[in-house]
């Protein structure tokens, strides 16, 4: 479960194994960066990163959770693109200790993960979203993240838009949630 979540949908995520979820949105380094920023110039960030390993291959999913689908898709997608890109950059900056020689915000699992071998997955999860709305939103998000994907060598098929049912299917939300 995500701690200090903004809404009921965020509270549905998890539970995850200890040390495998990094709530980047609650990062002390992010707070420090945003405290120094002028009003309106703060860094927008996704909710959390989830580290998983299967068949000896590690993946890190960056998850942005929204409670509803957009009225205006372009502005919505640009906001999500910014949050996912910033989260990837900030995570790597923290991992590389660019802001502090102490990356204690990261669990040992994250610290011991060799990033050169990690697959990054960029996920937008939308609670109240009809299945038929997902493909056009996913296409728009993939298009918005093309440059980020090229820079970091992320397969565009790793940019995913899910509704609540899809989040359950991908193991982001427990099949039976209690609130």
Foldseek 3Di string as FASTA:
>chain_A
DQPPDPDPVVVQFDDDPPQFKQQVVPDPVLVVQQVPDDPPPRQAAAGIWGWDDDPNAIEIEGEHEAAADDPDLVVVLLSLLRHQLSHVVVVVCLLVQVPHPDSVSHGVVSNPDDVVRYAYAYEYEYAHDDPVPFVVSLVSNLVSCVVVCVVSVHDSVSHGYYYPVVCCVVVRGPPDGDD
